[in-house]
Amino acid sequence: MPSLGADMEAGTMVEQLVAAGDTVRRGDVIAAVETQKGVIEIEVFENGILAEWLVHPGDTVPVGTPLAVIHDAGGQETPDLPEPSEPEPAPREAPQPVDPGTEPATPEDQPPADPAPAPVQPEIPQTPGVEIPPPDTQRRRITPAARRLAVRSGLDINSIPCQEEKVITRADVIAAATGPPPSRDKTANQMRDAIAAAMSRAKREIPHYYLTHEVDLTATDAFLKDQNADRPPELRLLPGAVYARAIAAALGKYPEFNGHYSQNRLHPRKDVHIGFAIHLRSGGLVAPALFDVSNLCLDEVMEALRDLVARVRVGRYRARELSEATITLSSLGDRGVDQLSPIIYPPQVAIIGIGTPRLRPALYDGRIAPRLMTSVTLAADHRASDGHRGARLLRRIEKLLQEPEKL
């Protein structure tokens, strides 16, 4: 069970997307786990054959508990399987297939496995042999977990009403099959509890210091207008992509702000994985990572950011995106606030907050002129850095934003 944040202690297996005996490759999504932040897709980090599941749908286990055993092509167990924090549950005798209507390949001398029970409560009637709906029924926005549950339950996706945002969730599928959906207040409260736990720990354990600097965004604004002049809306660059590239470039010179603090020491990272604070309309927020920002051009950053936000809004983010951010960017520019003082998300050592750009009188080229200005705030961990270096980081970010065409 991966750790999906400093506040996570346990998770519940809700889906197994790969059957025992199947071949898996690094990056494949093999399971879905429910946490306080929603249902998270779990990736595999080994190539080989999934020999057996150690945790089954409905089981809640602490962080660090092995979920499955993967053998390499030669049949050897992978050497880096983490040690469980509690005694391992007894493996079941028969492997579990992904879909009740589809049986996994098995050796000729063994009978097919029994279908896996539906991992939801209350129990939903099963309809064997249900085929995936034709393409015209797949156009509705639906989370992966909800789609598989609908197929397993024999429900027409087009007939399932949504409760909000026109995105079908697992709760909507359950409601269509068994009755009213569970209270969304409960989910929102769980999210607030998770945020409170993480932020309380951060303020209690991390010696924060704050630096704020006024940054001129006139050149950035002109650059974006020029770049977007002939682009359709879906391909336009947004300020967030420029901010991310400037921060990533600046961190190359000040690496002590990029990494994790654990075991009483800083572990700087060479790669820059920027966590973007994204507000969820159902309540709360998450900060999944945009990976390798320092190695992407502006258009690639924008494409990756657009994809990330779209997936997060419908509950489709992966475990690695929640656990591997090396620094976080929080921008409330569209909310009309001049400045924010963000809280570091452990085990990270820094977070940058950007306020709303506004036209303000400023001294430019020896005269007072209207300039588009914003406040950039750095919250940093005093165990990993000090104010002198933090000030230099902010000045470096400012300089890069004056020359956005070079990012």
Foldseek 3Di string as FASTA:
>chain_A
DADLAPLAWKWFWQAAQAKQFDWDDFQDFGTWIQDLLGIATETDHHTAGFHFAQHAQGDMFTHQAFGTWGAHPVRHTDPPRTDGPDDTHDTDPAIEHRAQQDWDDDDPVDDTGHHGARNDPPGADFDHNQDQDPPVQPPFAEDPVLSRVCSRRVHRSVPQDDPDPSYHYVQSSCCVGPHHGPDLVVSQVSQVVSVVSQLVCLVVPFPKDKDKDKFFLQLVVVVQCVQCVPPDPVQGFDVVLLLLQLLQVLCCVVQLQFAFDDPLGTDTDNAAWEFEWDAAPSHHTATFTDTRSPPDDSSVSRVSVVVVNVCVNNPHHHSCRSPPHREYEYEPQVVQDQDDDDGGGHRHFKYKYKYHWDFDFDQDPNDTDTTTMGMIMMMGGVSRDDPVVVVVSVVSSSVCSNPSVVD
